[in-house]
Amino acid sequence: MNRWKRTLLAVSLLALMLATACGTGTDAGNGQTNEGQPQTAEPAPTDAAGASADAPAAEDGPLTKFDPPITVRSAINDNGKDFLSPGDTLESNVWLKGYENELGIKVQYDWIVERANAGNKMNATLASGDLPDIFAVNHSQYKQLLDAGKIADLTEAYEKYGSDLLKEFYNAGGDGLKPVKQDGKLYGLTDYSGTIDAAGMMYIRTDWMKKLNLQAPKTMEDVIAIAKAFTEGDPDGNGQKDTFGLQLNKDLDSGWTIKMNGFANMFHAHPGIWIKDESGKLVYGSVQPEMKQVLAALQELYKAGVIDQEFGTKDVAKASETIMSGKSGMFFGPLASPFAINAMMADANIDWAAYPIPSADDQPAKVNSQILNATVFVVRSDFKHPEALVKMMNFAVEKLYGASAETEAETYLGPSGQGFHVAPVKILKPNKNLGIYQNVSAALAAQDPSSLNREEKSYYDFIQKYRSGERAQWVYERIFGPESSIAVVEHYVDNGLLMLNEFSAPPTATMATKKATLDKLELETFTKIIYGESSVDEFDKFVENWNKLGGQQITEEVNQASNS
């Protein structure tokens, strides 16, 4: 099971997931925490202290080798340890050897810690002032470094050395570097994975639908009817009224799945993201009038017992447990959500399916989406070779997707097919999961996997195992198979149904000081309204207070940042 969960990292999410989709960036991709053992090897001298500092910058191109070689200090979490090739270690592996042999870059780690501890370790590193040369941070840490003038301007290095393929990736579906641009300058590279993996959808227990003779939902009224039937129709057949139609979690839109925003999208509301109003101005979705309708509907459903009556005490993990205990039959979440419930699929009588979010009226519902990049790769401000980061990123895309990929991708992906986790800096092909789904589905239809790459072939094999009776592989059928979550994403893309978060830059000045307070106010107000402890009209007071307590200033700053 642990290996199946780790494979989720290849689904983009996640960072997805995790956070990803959630926008917290707490993993910082590489580089986080307080605990964990520092590496025993002393870092070799770099440009700030010794011989390699005198190496001239390469002039020839994106992958030109440094001569003489340079040494780069970095820091990572241990996420890649489960994807190493035989004989490799995090300190000595195919990626580090590739940098040294082909780029003239010797990477040495100041520290390697467990992923769970990496955020704290990086915070301690930032506080110490002893920064690595090239390292990964989350967006809050990036903003801290930017404001302190501790990271290098990469504008010239990226323009001069960024490969065509790397630039193509960052421009796929949006501007993957927008969050790290300030006043026309570039201060980092990101792990941009596209704009579609966080899109929400409905997940419904299809075995309950069949038992109650219900059809797939096509309208908001259908969704409500199914949720009520799951509550009142005894879908588990135990003769007791102990099931719920809809599962939420206590943080509503925080956490990687079981979210409220998919329900809100039916009403053309977009909580948690910045959208354009009719004048073209950016406004915060949670304080728009449509949210009042959403809260009124949720309050009514809660009062009728359709929503888990204890959702306010359950985080995503506890809400998942409620679903897997057989008590809830519907929730909203992104494409990777089947991983949250895969453990219950050992029972062959249970099944779930993903469905597009329908509309409350005759206008198509658009679903929340956002630029996904939880990790920012930065260069210390006094490091003399900022182009080294760009070249290392060029190297990653070239080995996995460029002309070299045909003969070398398997070497760098390793037996797991996911060796990219070992690289200290990386970007995968943005929105790649849609292409994987299309290729795997075509191969399944033709019963011919010969054209699949290693990652695609692994999902094809998992699906074939599921179809042969291995229930534990259900998750891959429901993510990459013909009737899957990514099939729903394809429907959104084909029909222009994604509502992109229009603000993905670093936090504004007022966000940094007041957003946490405003988020708490939002969560408390929405929860009380859903519970029926407050009138729906309390929403109007919330909007007024939100603006007074900093929301109006944040809105002005967001628009200024967007315009600049």
Protein backbone atom coordinates (compact mmCIF):
# COMPACT_ATOMS: atom_id res chain seq x y z
CA MET A 1 0.00 0.00 0.00
CA ASN A 2 2.83 2.40 0.81
CA ARG A 3 4.28 1.91 -2.64
CA TRP A 4 0.90 2.59 -4.26
CA LYS A 5 0.65 5.81 -2.26
CA ARG A 6 4.13 6.83 -3.25
CA THR A 7 3.20 6.35 -6.86
CA LEU A 8 0.76 9.19 -6.36
CA LEU A 9 3.76 11.47 -6.45
CA ALA A 10 3.94 10.72 -10.16
CA VAL A 11 0.39 11.92 -10.59
CA SER A 12 1.48 15.26 -10.33
CA LEU A 13 -0.18 15.78 -7.48
CA LEU A 14 1.37 16.44 -5.15
CA ALA A 15 2.43 17.43 -4.08
CA LEU A 16 0.18 17.29 -5.46
CA MET A 17 -0.85 16.76 -3.91
CA LEU A 18 -0.51 17.78 -1.42
CA ALA A 19 -0.38 20.58 -1.04
CA THR A 20 -0.43 21.17 -4.20
CA ALA A 21 -3.42 21.26 -5.10
CA CYS A 22 -3.72 22.95 -1.89
CA GLY A 23 -1.29 25.75 -2.45
CA THR A 24 0.51 25.45 0.90
CA GLY A 25 3.89 24.44 -0.44
CA THR A 26 4.93 23.14 2.98
CA ASP A 27 7.11 20.36 1.58
CA ALA A 28 9.21 22.87 -0.34
CA GLY A 29 9.92 20.01 -2.70
CA ASN A 30 13.46 19.64 -1.44
CA GLY A 31 14.79 21.23 1.59
CA GLN A 32 12.89 21.45 4.86
CA THR A 33 13.37 20.74 8.79
CA ASN A 34 15.02 20.69 12.11
CA GLU A 35 15.52 17.07 12.69
CA GLY A 36 17.31 14.56 10.58
CA GLN A 37 21.02 13.96 10.39
CA PRO A 38 23.30 16.34 8.50
CA GLN A 39 25.58 14.68 6.00
CA THR A 40 29.02 13.75 7.26
CA ALA A 41 30.90 15.00 4.20
CA GLU A 42 32.14 18.56 4.52
CA PRO A 43 30.89 20.73 1.66
CA ALA A 44 33.62 21.53 -0.84
CA PRO A 45 34.59 25.17 -1.28
CA THR A 46 32.39 27.10 -3.64
CA ASP A 47 32.55 30.49 -5.24
CA ALA A 48 32.09 32.27 -1.91
CA ALA A 49 35.06 30.52 -0.35
CA GLY A 50 37.39 28.76 -2.71
CA ALA A 51 38.78 27.44 -5.93
CA SER A 52 35.69 26.60 -7.89
CA ALA A 53 34.55 30.21 -7.58
CA ASP A 54 36.93 31.18 -10.38
CA ALA A 55 35.31 28.94 -12.99
CA PRO A 56 34.18 31.08 -15.92
CA ALA A 57 30.54 31.06 -16.91
CA ALA A 58 29.83 28.96 -19.95
CA GLU A 59 29.01 30.95 -23.04
CA ASP A 60 27.95 28.31 -25.52
CA GLY A 61 24.51 27.10 -24.61
CA PRO A 62 21.96 25.49 -22.31
CA LEU A 63 24.01 22.35 -21.61
CA THR A 64 27.58 23.60 -22.04
CA LYS A 65 29.93 22.05 -19.50
CA PHE A 66 31.66 24.25 -16.92
CA ASP A 67 35.42 24.14 -17.43
CA PRO A 68 36.92 24.05 -14.88
CA PRO A 69 34.10 22.34 -12.98
CA ILE A 70 32.22 24.08 -10.19
CA THR A 71 30.85 22.78 -6.89
CA VAL A 72 27.26 23.53 -5.88
CA ARG A 73 26.03 23.25 -2.31
CA SER A 74 22.41 22.18 -2.02
CA ALA A 75 19.98 20.63 0.49
CA ILE A 76 17.13 18.17 -0.02
CA ASN A 77 14.54 16.03 1.68
CA ASP A 78 14.72 12.27 1.39
CA ASN A 79 11.69 11.83 -0.86
CA GLY A 80 13.85 10.29 -3.60
CA LYS A 81 15.17 7.42 -1.47
CA ASP A 82 12.43 5.05 -2.58
CA PHE A 83 13.13 5.64 -6.27
CA LEU A 84 16.89 5.11 -6.42
CA SER A 85 18.46 2.81 -8.99
CA PRO A 86 20.29 -0.26 -7.61
CA GLY A 87 23.57 0.77 -5.99
CA ASP A 88 22.66 4.47 -5.92
CA THR A 89 22.30 6.65 -2.84
CA LEU A 90 20.95 10.15 -2.42
CA GLU A 91 24.56 11.37 -2.18
CA SER A 92 25.79 9.40 -5.22
CA ASN A 93 23.39 8.59 -8.03
CA VAL A 94 22.80 8.77 -11.76
CA TRP A 95 21.59 12.36 -11.58
CA LEU A 96 24.54 13.71 -9.62
CA LYS A 97 26.96 11.81 -11.83
CA GLY A 98 25.22 13.21 -14.89
CA TYR A 99 25.60 16.77 -13.65
CA GLU A 100 29.27 16.22 -12.93
CA ASN A 101 30.15 14.34 -16.12
CA GLU A 102 28.10 16.38 -18.59
CA LEU A 103 27.71 19.80 -16.99
CA GLY A 104 30.83 20.07 -14.87
CA ILE A 105 28.66 20.62 -11.78
CA LYS A 106 29.51 18.69 -8.61
CA VAL A 107 26.55 18.77 -6.21
CA GLN A 108 27.17 18.32 -2.49
CA TYR A 109 24.41 18.39 0.12
CA ASP A 110 24.64 20.45 3.30
CA TRP A 111 21.88 18.25 4.70
CA ILE A 112 19.33 15.58 3.80
CA VAL A 113 16.32 15.14 6.09
CA GLU A 114 13.03 13.31 6.15
CA ARG A 115 10.41 14.95 4.00
CA ALA A 116 8.12 15.58 6.97
CA ASN A 117 10.86 17.58 8.67
CA ALA A 118 12.18 19.45 5.67
CA GLY A 119 10.12 22.64 6.11
CA ASN A 120 11.39 23.18 9.63
CA LYS A 121 14.96 22.38 8.62
CA MET A 122 14.84 24.92 5.82
CA ASN A 123 13.38 27.53 8.17
CA ALA A 124 16.30 26.93 10.51
CA THR A 125 18.72 27.24 7.60
CA LEU A 126 17.19 30.55 6.54
CA ALA A 127 17.42 31.84 10.09
CA SER A 128 21.10 30.85 10.32
CA GLY A 129 22.01 32.86 7.23
CA ASP A 130 24.25 30.03 5.99
CA LEU A 131 22.41 29.32 2.76
CA PRO A 132 23.23 26.65 0.17
CA ASP A 133 24.09 27.80 -3.35
CA ILE A 134 21.05 26.27 -5.08
CA PHE A 135 18.11 25.03 -3.05
CA ALA A 136 14.34 24.53 -2.97
CA VAL A 137 11.85 26.44 -0.81
CA ASN A 138 8.11 26.89 -0.51
CA HIS A 139 6.41 30.13 -1.55
CA SER A 140 6.43 31.69 1.91
CA GLN A 141 10.14 30.99 2.28
CA TYR A 142 10.71 32.35 -1.21
CA LYS A 143 8.95 35.59 -0.31
CA GLN A 144 11.05 35.89 2.86
CA LEU A 145 14.26 35.45 0.88
CA LEU A 146 13.15 37.83 -1.86
CA ASP A 147 12.27 40.61 0.59
CA ALA A 148 15.62 40.16 2.34
CA GLY A 149 17.55 40.34 -0.94
CA LYS A 150 19.04 36.90 -0.34
CA ILE A 151 18.34 35.30 -3.75
CA ALA A 152 19.75 35.98 -7.17
CA ASP A 153 18.07 37.63 -10.13
CA LEU A 154 17.84 34.85 -12.72
CA THR A 155 16.41 36.93 -15.56
CA GLU A 156 19.56 37.06 -17.67
CA ALA A 157 20.61 33.49 -16.87
CA TYR A 158 17.22 32.10 -17.85
CA GLU A 159 16.96 34.12 -21.05
CA LYS A 160 20.48 33.20 -22.11
CA TYR A 161 20.72 29.61 -20.99
CA GLY A 162 17.16 28.31 -20.73
CA SER A 163 16.61 25.65 -23.39
CA ASP A 164 13.74 25.88 -25.85
CA LEU A 165 12.16 22.80 -24.26
CA LEU A 166 12.37 24.23 -20.75
CA LYS A 167 10.78 27.48 -21.89
CA GLU A 168 8.08 25.52 -23.70
CA PHE A 169 7.26 23.72 -20.46
CA TYR A 170 6.98 26.93 -18.46
CA ASN A 171 4.64 28.41 -21.08
CA ALA A 172 2.34 25.38 -21.31
CA GLY A 173 -1.21 26.32 -20.32
CA GLY A 174 -0.14 29.48 -18.52
CA ASP A 175 2.95 31.19 -17.18
CA GLY A 176 4.59 28.68 -14.89
CA LEU A 177 7.07 31.31 -13.73
CA LYS A 178 4.54 33.99 -12.88
CA PRO A 179 4.77 33.35 -9.09
CA VAL A 180 8.51 34.07 -9.11
CA LYS A 181 8.50 37.27 -11.14
CA GLN A 182 8.79 40.65 -9.46
CA ASP A 183 8.96 44.01 -11.26
CA GLY A 184 9.77 42.29 -14.52
CA LYS A 185 12.60 40.21 -13.06
CA LEU A 186 12.84 36.49 -12.43
CA TYR A 187 14.00 35.26 -9.03
CA GLY A 188 13.49 31.50 -9.20
CA LEU A 189 12.38 28.49 -11.21
CA THR A 190 9.40 26.36 -10.19
CA ASP A 191 8.26 22.76 -10.33
CA TYR A 192 5.35 23.91 -12.51
CA SER A 193 3.13 20.95 -13.34
CA GLY A 194 0.39 22.71 -15.25
CA THR A 195 -3.08 23.99 -14.49
CA ILE A 196 -5.43 21.02 -14.63
CA ASP A 197 -4.53 18.50 -11.92
CA ALA A 198 -6.24 20.44 -9.13
CA ALA A 199 -9.58 20.70 -10.95
CA GLY A 200 -12.40 19.33 -8.81
CA MET A 201 -15.07 16.77 -9.64
CA MET A 202 -17.70 14.63 -7.94
CA TYR A 203 -16.99 11.14 -6.65
CA ILE A 204 -20.09 9.00 -6.13
CA ARG A 205 -20.60 5.43 -4.92
CA THR A 206 -21.94 3.77 -8.04
CA ASP A 207 -22.94 0.57 -6.24
CA TRP A 208 -25.30 2.64 -4.09
CA MET A 209 -26.64 4.36 -7.20
CA LYS A 210 -27.39 1.00 -8.82
CA LYS A 211 -29.08 -0.31 -5.69
CA LEU A 212 -31.35 2.74 -5.54
CA ASN A 213 -31.91 2.85 -9.34
CA LEU A 214 -30.31 6.28 -9.70
CA GLN A 215 -28.82 7.68 -12.88
CA ALA A 216 -25.60 9.65 -13.28
CA PRO A 217 -26.14 13.32 -12.33
CA LYS A 218 -26.52 15.85 -15.12
CA THR A 219 -27.84 18.81 -13.12
CA MET A 220 -27.39 20.30 -9.68
CA GLU A 221 -30.87 19.01 -8.81
CA ASP A 222 -29.70 15.49 -9.69
CA VAL A 223 -26.75 15.85 -7.32
CA ILE A 224 -29.02 16.95 -4.46
CA ALA A 225 -31.49 14.14 -5.21
CA ILE A 226 -28.73 11.52 -5.14
CA ALA A 227 -27.32 12.90 -1.89
CA LYS A 228 -30.76 12.79 -0.27
CA ALA A 229 -31.40 9.26 -1.55
CA PHE A 230 -28.11 8.11 -0.05
CA THR A 231 -29.25 9.57 3.27
CA GLU A 232 -32.83 8.32 3.31
CA GLY A 233 -32.80 5.21 1.11
CA ASP A 234 -30.71 2.83 3.25
CA PRO A 235 -28.15 2.22 0.49
CA ASP A 236 -26.07 -0.08 2.71
CA GLY A 237 -29.10 -2.25 3.39
CA ASN A 238 -28.66 -2.51 7.15
CA GLY A 239 -32.12 -1.21 7.96
CA GLN A 240 -30.78 1.83 9.80
CA LYS A 241 -30.62 5.50 8.92
CA ASP A 242 -26.86 5.78 9.35
CA THR A 243 -25.54 6.98 5.97
CA PHE A 244 -24.84 10.44 4.60
CA GLY A 245 -25.13 11.78 1.10
CA LEU A 246 -22.25 14.25 1.22
CA GLN A 247 -18.93 14.28 3.05
CA LEU A 248 -17.07 17.47 3.94
CA ASN A 249 -13.99 18.06 6.08
CA LYS A 250 -13.62 20.57 8.92
CA ASP A 251 -11.38 22.89 6.91
CA LEU A 252 -13.84 22.98 3.98
CA ASP A 253 -11.34 23.91 1.26
CA SER A 254 -8.04 23.14 2.95
CA GLY A 255 -6.55 19.70 2.59
CA TRP A 256 -5.93 17.93 -0.67
CA THR A 257 -9.37 16.37 -1.18
CA ILE A 258 -12.95 16.13 0.19
CA LYS A 259 -13.37 19.83 -0.48
CA MET A 260 -16.30 22.25 -0.59
CA ASN A 261 -15.28 24.18 -3.69
CA GLY A 262 -16.59 21.59 -6.13
CA PHE A 263 -20.06 21.93 -4.61
CA ALA A 264 -19.71 25.72 -4.81
CA ASN A 265 -18.75 25.59 -8.47
CA MET A 266 -22.25 24.31 -9.31
CA PHE A 267 -23.52 27.76 -8.28
CA HIS A 268 -20.79 29.58 -10.27
CA ALA A 269 -19.01 30.41 -7.01
CA HIS A 270 -15.24 30.06 -6.75
CA PRO A 271 -14.08 30.13 -3.13
CA GLY A 272 -10.42 30.44 -2.34
CA ILE A 273 -9.25 31.79 -5.70
CA TRP A 274 -8.99 35.15 -7.43
CA ILE A 275 -11.22 35.65 -10.46
CA LYS A 276 -12.02 38.52 -12.81
CA ASP A 277 -15.26 40.42 -12.36
CA GLU A 278 -17.18 41.97 -15.25
CA SER A 279 -14.86 44.98 -15.30
CA GLY A 280 -11.74 42.84 -15.47
CA LYS A 281 -10.73 43.57 -11.89
CA LEU A 282 -9.49 40.70 -9.76
CA VAL A 283 -11.80 39.81 -6.87
CA TYR A 284 -11.68 37.11 -4.20
CA GLY A 285 -14.14 34.33 -4.91
CA SER A 286 -15.07 33.62 -1.30
CA VAL A 287 -16.65 37.06 -0.82
CA GLN A 288 -18.71 37.16 -4.02
CA PRO A 289 -22.56 37.05 -3.86
CA GLU A 290 -22.73 33.54 -5.35
CA MET A 291 -21.20 32.14 -2.15
CA LYS A 292 -24.31 33.10 -0.21
CA GLN A 293 -26.37 30.71 -2.35
CA VAL A 294 -23.82 27.96 -1.76
CA LEU A 295 -23.95 28.37 2.02
CA ALA A 296 -27.76 28.46 1.99
CA ALA A 297 -27.84 25.16 0.09
CA LEU A 298 -25.29 23.54 2.41
CA GLN A 299 -27.17 24.74 5.47
CA GLU A 300 -30.36 23.17 4.18
CA LEU A 301 -28.61 19.88 3.43
CA TYR A 302 -26.96 19.79 6.83
CA LYS A 303 -30.28 20.44 8.55
CA ALA A 304 -31.80 17.55 6.58
CA GLY A 305 -29.01 15.19 7.71
CA VAL A 306 -27.59 14.85 4.21
CA ILE A 307 -24.13 16.11 5.24
CA ASP A 308 -22.06 14.25 7.83
CA GLN A 309 -23.24 15.82 11.08
CA GLU A 310 -19.74 15.66 12.55
CA PHE A 311 -17.78 17.00 9.56
CA GLY A 312 -16.68 20.00 11.64
CA THR A 313 -14.48 17.74 13.79
CA LYS A 314 -12.85 15.80 10.95
CA ASP A 315 -9.75 16.65 8.95
CA VAL A 316 -9.21 15.04 5.55
CA ALA A 317 -7.83 11.84 7.08
CA LYS A 318 -10.80 11.44 9.45
CA ALA A 319 -13.26 12.34 6.70
CA SER A 320 -11.64 9.67 4.51
CA GLU A 321 -12.10 7.16 7.32
CA THR A 322 -15.81 8.00 7.46
CA ILE A 323 -16.10 7.39 3.73
CA MET A 324 -14.19 4.12 3.92
CA SER A 325 -16.34 2.95 6.83
CA GLY A 326 -19.26 2.94 4.40
CA LYS A 327 -21.11 5.93 5.82
CA SER A 328 -20.80 8.52 3.03
CA GLY A 329 -21.55 8.18 -0.65
CA MET A 330 -20.41 11.42 -2.27
CA PHE A 331 -17.58 13.94 -2.04
CA PHE A 332 -15.75 16.48 -4.19
CA GLY A 333 -12.03 16.44 -4.90
CA PRO A 334 -9.27 16.53 -7.56
CA LEU A 335 -8.18 13.78 -9.93
CA ALA A 336 -5.96 11.97 -7.42
CA SER A 337 -8.79 11.53 -4.90
CA PRO A 338 -9.25 7.78 -5.52
CA PHE A 339 -6.10 7.31 -3.44
CA ALA A 340 -8.04 8.61 -0.42
CA ILE A 341 -10.49 5.71 -0.59
CA ASN A 342 -8.53 2.92 -2.26
CA ALA A 343 -8.26 0.91 0.95
CA MET A 344 -12.01 0.17 0.92
CA MET A 345 -11.86 -1.27 -2.58
CA ALA A 346 -10.81 -4.68 -1.32
CA ASP A 347 -14.57 -5.27 -1.17
CA ALA A 348 -15.57 -6.21 -4.72
CA ASN A 349 -19.13 -5.05 -4.06
CA ILE A 350 -18.03 -1.42 -3.69
CA ASP A 351 -17.31 0.97 -6.52
CA TRP A 352 -16.93 4.69 -7.05
CA ALA A 353 -16.78 6.83 -10.17
CA ALA A 354 -15.85 10.42 -10.99
CA TYR A 355 -18.33 12.78 -12.66
CA PRO A 356 -18.09 16.33 -14.04
CA ILE A 357 -19.57 19.04 -11.86
CA PRO A 358 -22.97 20.08 -13.24
CA SER A 359 -24.56 23.52 -13.10
CA ALA A 360 -27.37 24.98 -11.04
CA ASP A 361 -28.76 26.68 -14.14
CA ASP A 362 -28.47 26.65 -17.93
CA GLN A 363 -24.91 28.04 -17.90
CA PRO A 364 -22.09 25.47 -17.75
CA ALA A 365 -20.32 25.27 -14.40
CA LYS A 366 -16.64 26.13 -14.43
CA VAL A 367 -14.39 24.48 -11.88
CA ASN A 368 -11.57 25.97 -9.82
CA SER A 369 -8.13 25.49 -11.28
CA GLN A 370 -4.73 26.97 -10.57
CA ILE A 371 -1.11 27.10 -11.60
CA LEU A 372 0.49 24.22 -9.74
CA ASN A 373 3.97 24.83 -8.35
CA ALA A 374 4.51 24.14 -4.68
CA THR A 375 8.30 24.38 -4.91
CA VAL A 376 10.59 27.24 -5.92
CA PHE A 377 14.23 26.61 -6.81
CA VAL A 378 16.43 29.58 -5.95
CA VAL A 379 20.07 30.64 -6.05
CA ARG A 380 21.86 32.40 -3.20
CA SER A 381 22.37 36.05 -4.12
CA ASP A 382 26.19 35.99 -4.00
CA PHE A 383 26.67 32.71 -5.87
CA LYS A 384 28.63 33.50 -9.01
CA HIS A 385 27.01 30.94 -11.29
CA PRO A 386 23.21 31.37 -11.24
CA GLU A 387 23.15 29.78 -14.68
CA ALA A 388 24.02 26.47 -12.98
CA LEU A 389 20.41 26.14 -11.80
CA VAL A 390 19.11 26.79 -15.30
CA LYS A 391 21.47 24.21 -16.77
CA MET A 392 20.49 21.60 -14.20
CA MET A 393 16.84 22.16 -15.08
CA ASN A 394 17.66 21.99 -18.81
CA PHE A 395 19.41 18.70 -18.08
CA ALA A 396 16.32 17.27 -16.40
CA VAL A 397 13.92 18.07 -19.23
CA GLU A 398 16.41 16.94 -21.85
CA LYS A 399 17.03 13.54 -20.28
CA LEU A 400 13.33 12.85 -19.69
CA TYR A 401 11.66 14.53 -22.67
CA GLY A 402 14.25 15.83 -25.15
CA ALA A 403 16.22 14.22 -27.96
CA SER A 404 18.21 12.27 -25.37
CA ALA A 405 15.12 10.70 -23.84
CA GLU A 406 14.80 7.87 -26.34
CA THR A 407 18.08 6.35 -25.21
CA GLU A 408 18.60 7.83 -21.75
CA ALA A 409 15.22 8.36 -20.08
CA GLU A 410 15.14 4.83 -18.68
CA THR A 411 18.54 5.37 -17.09
CA TYR A 412 17.36 8.45 -15.25
CA LEU A 413 13.91 7.10 -14.41
CA GLY A 414 15.36 3.86 -13.05
CA PRO A 415 13.49 0.61 -12.42
CA SER A 416 10.67 2.42 -10.62
CA GLY A 417 9.96 4.64 -13.60
CA GLN A 418 9.96 7.58 -11.18
CA GLY A 419 13.64 8.30 -10.68
CA PHE A 420 12.99 11.98 -11.29
CA HIS A 421 12.27 12.21 -7.55
CA VAL A 422 15.99 11.71 -6.95
CA ALA A 423 17.01 14.88 -8.84
CA PRO A 424 17.54 17.93 -6.60
CA VAL A 425 15.87 20.19 -9.19
CA LYS A 426 13.19 19.03 -11.57
CA ILE A 427 10.16 19.84 -13.63
CA LEU A 428 7.91 17.27 -15.25
CA LYS A 429 6.00 17.89 -18.44
CA PRO A 430 3.13 20.22 -17.45
CA ASN A 431 -0.33 18.65 -17.61
CA LYS A 432 1.36 15.36 -18.44
CA ASN A 433 -1.31 13.28 -16.74
CA LEU A 434 -3.82 14.09 -19.45
CA GLY A 435 -1.45 12.74 -22.09
CA ILE A 436 -0.74 9.66 -19.98
CA TYR A 437 -4.47 8.97 -19.68
CA GLN A 438 -4.98 9.33 -23.43
CA ASN A 439 -2.07 7.03 -24.25
CA VAL A 440 -2.99 4.40 -21.65
CA SER A 441 -6.65 4.40 -22.67
CA ALA A 442 -5.70 3.94 -26.32
CA ALA A 443 -3.35 1.09 -25.42
CA LEU A 444 -6.04 -0.60 -23.34
CA ALA A 445 -8.51 -0.36 -26.20
CA ALA A 446 -5.98 -1.83 -28.63
CA GLN A 447 -4.54 -4.28 -26.08
CA ASP A 448 -1.15 -3.07 -27.27
CA PRO A 449 1.16 -1.22 -24.84
CA SER A 450 4.17 -1.19 -27.18
CA SER A 451 4.06 2.59 -27.74
CA LEU A 452 3.90 3.49 -24.03
CA ASN A 453 6.82 4.96 -22.13
CA ARG A 454 7.90 3.41 -18.84
CA GLU A 455 5.61 5.46 -16.62
CA GLU A 456 2.61 4.91 -18.90
CA LYS A 457 3.36 1.19 -19.11
CA SER A 458 3.40 0.94 -15.30
CA TYR A 459 -0.15 2.33 -15.13
CA TYR A 460 -1.25 0.08 -18.00
CA ASP A 461 0.08 -2.94 -16.10
CA PHE A 462 -1.64 -1.87 -12.86
CA ILE A 463 -4.96 -1.56 -14.68
CA GLN A 464 -4.57 -4.98 -16.28
CA LYS A 465 -3.85 -6.44 -12.85
CA TYR A 466 -7.00 -4.81 -11.50
CA ARG A 467 -9.03 -6.25 -14.35
CA SER A 468 -7.55 -9.64 -13.56
CA GLY A 469 -8.80 -9.47 -9.99
CA GLU A 470 -6.23 -7.46 -8.01
CA ARG A 471 -8.58 -5.06 -6.27
CA ALA A 472 -5.71 -3.06 -4.80
CA GLN A 473 -5.03 -1.66 -8.28
CA TRP A 474 -8.52 -0.15 -8.56
CA VAL A 475 -7.06 3.31 -8.03
CA TYR A 476 -5.23 3.24 -11.37
CA GLU A 477 -8.35 2.15 -13.24
CA ARG A 478 -10.20 5.10 -11.75
CA ILE A 479 -7.44 7.65 -12.44
CA PHE A 480 -6.01 6.57 -15.81
CA GLY A 481 -8.61 4.19 -17.24
CA PRO A 482 -11.28 5.01 -19.84
CA GLU A 483 -13.88 5.95 -17.21
CA SER A 484 -11.68 7.85 -14.82
CA SER A 485 -10.99 11.12 -13.07
CA ILE A 486 -8.69 12.26 -15.86
CA ALA A 487 -11.45 11.54 -18.36
CA VAL A 488 -13.43 14.17 -16.45
CA VAL A 489 -10.47 16.57 -16.66
CA GLU A 490 -10.34 15.97 -20.42
CA HIS A 491 -14.03 16.93 -20.58
CA TYR A 492 -13.25 20.18 -18.76
CA VAL A 493 -10.34 20.98 -21.06
CA ASP A 494 -12.23 20.17 -24.25
CA ASN A 495 -15.15 22.35 -23.22
CA GLY A 496 -13.30 25.29 -21.68
CA LEU A 497 -14.65 24.63 -18.18
CA LEU A 498 -11.61 25.50 -16.06
CA MET A 499 -11.65 28.71 -13.99
CA LEU A 500 -7.99 29.58 -13.40
CA ASN A 501 -6.89 31.31 -10.23
CA GLU A 502 -5.76 34.64 -11.66
CA PHE A 503 -3.33 35.44 -8.85
CA SER A 504 -0.38 33.11 -8.35
CA ALA A 505 2.32 35.60 -7.38
CA PRO A 506 3.98 35.60 -3.94
CA PRO A 507 1.83 36.86 -1.04
CA THR A 508 1.33 40.61 -1.00
CA ALA A 509 2.48 42.67 1.99
CA THR A 510 -0.96 42.65 3.62
CA MET A 511 -1.49 38.98 2.84
CA ALA A 512 1.66 38.21 4.77
CA THR A 513 0.31 39.89 7.90
CA LYS A 514 -3.47 39.47 7.68
CA LYS A 515 -4.39 36.55 5.43
CA ALA A 516 -4.28 34.01 8.26
CA THR A 517 -6.78 36.10 10.25
CA LEU A 518 -9.05 36.50 7.23
CA ASP A 519 -8.89 32.78 6.43
CA LYS A 520 -9.87 31.96 10.01
CA LEU A 521 -12.79 34.41 9.82
CA GLU A 522 -13.93 32.83 6.57
CA LEU A 523 -13.78 29.26 7.89
CA GLU A 524 -15.55 30.10 11.15
CA THR A 525 -18.31 32.05 9.41
CA PHE A 526 -18.94 29.45 6.73
CA THR A 527 -18.95 26.58 9.24
CA LYS A 528 -21.41 28.32 11.55
CA ILE A 529 -23.73 29.07 8.65
CA ILE A 530 -23.64 25.46 7.44
CA TYR A 531 -24.30 24.22 10.97
CA GLY A 532 -27.25 26.60 11.23
CA GLU A 533 -25.69 28.40 14.18
CA SER A 534 -25.73 31.61 12.13
CA SER A 535 -28.20 32.95 9.62
CA VAL A 536 -27.26 32.87 5.95
CA ASP A 537 -27.41 36.67 6.14
CA GLU A 538 -24.31 36.52 8.34
CA PHE A 539 -22.45 36.16 5.04
CA ASP A 540 -23.10 39.84 4.28
CA LYS A 541 -21.56 40.87 7.59
CA PHE A 542 -18.61 38.56 6.90
CA VAL A 543 -17.93 40.28 3.57
CA GLU A 544 -18.03 43.68 5.27
CA ASN A 545 -15.64 42.56 8.00
CA TRP A 546 -13.37 40.80 5.52
CA ASN A 547 -12.86 44.05 3.64
CA LYS A 548 -12.36 46.11 6.82
CA LEU A 549 -9.84 43.70 8.31
CA GLY A 550 -7.51 43.80 5.32
CA GLY A 551 -9.37 42.22 2.45
CA GLN A 552 -9.91 45.49 0.62
CA GLN A 553 -6.22 46.36 0.92
CA ILE A 554 -5.25 42.88 -0.26
CA THR A 555 -7.56 43.23 -3.26
CA GLU A 556 -5.86 46.49 -4.20
CA GLU A 557 -2.42 44.92 -3.82
CA VAL A 558 -3.41 41.86 -5.86
CA ASN A 559 -4.59 44.06 -8.71
CA GLN A 560 -1.46 46.18 -8.54
CA ALA A 561 0.73 43.08 -8.62
CA SER A 562 -1.26 41.58 -11.47
CA ASN A 563 -1.05 44.76 -13.52
CA SER A 564 2.69 45.03 -12.96
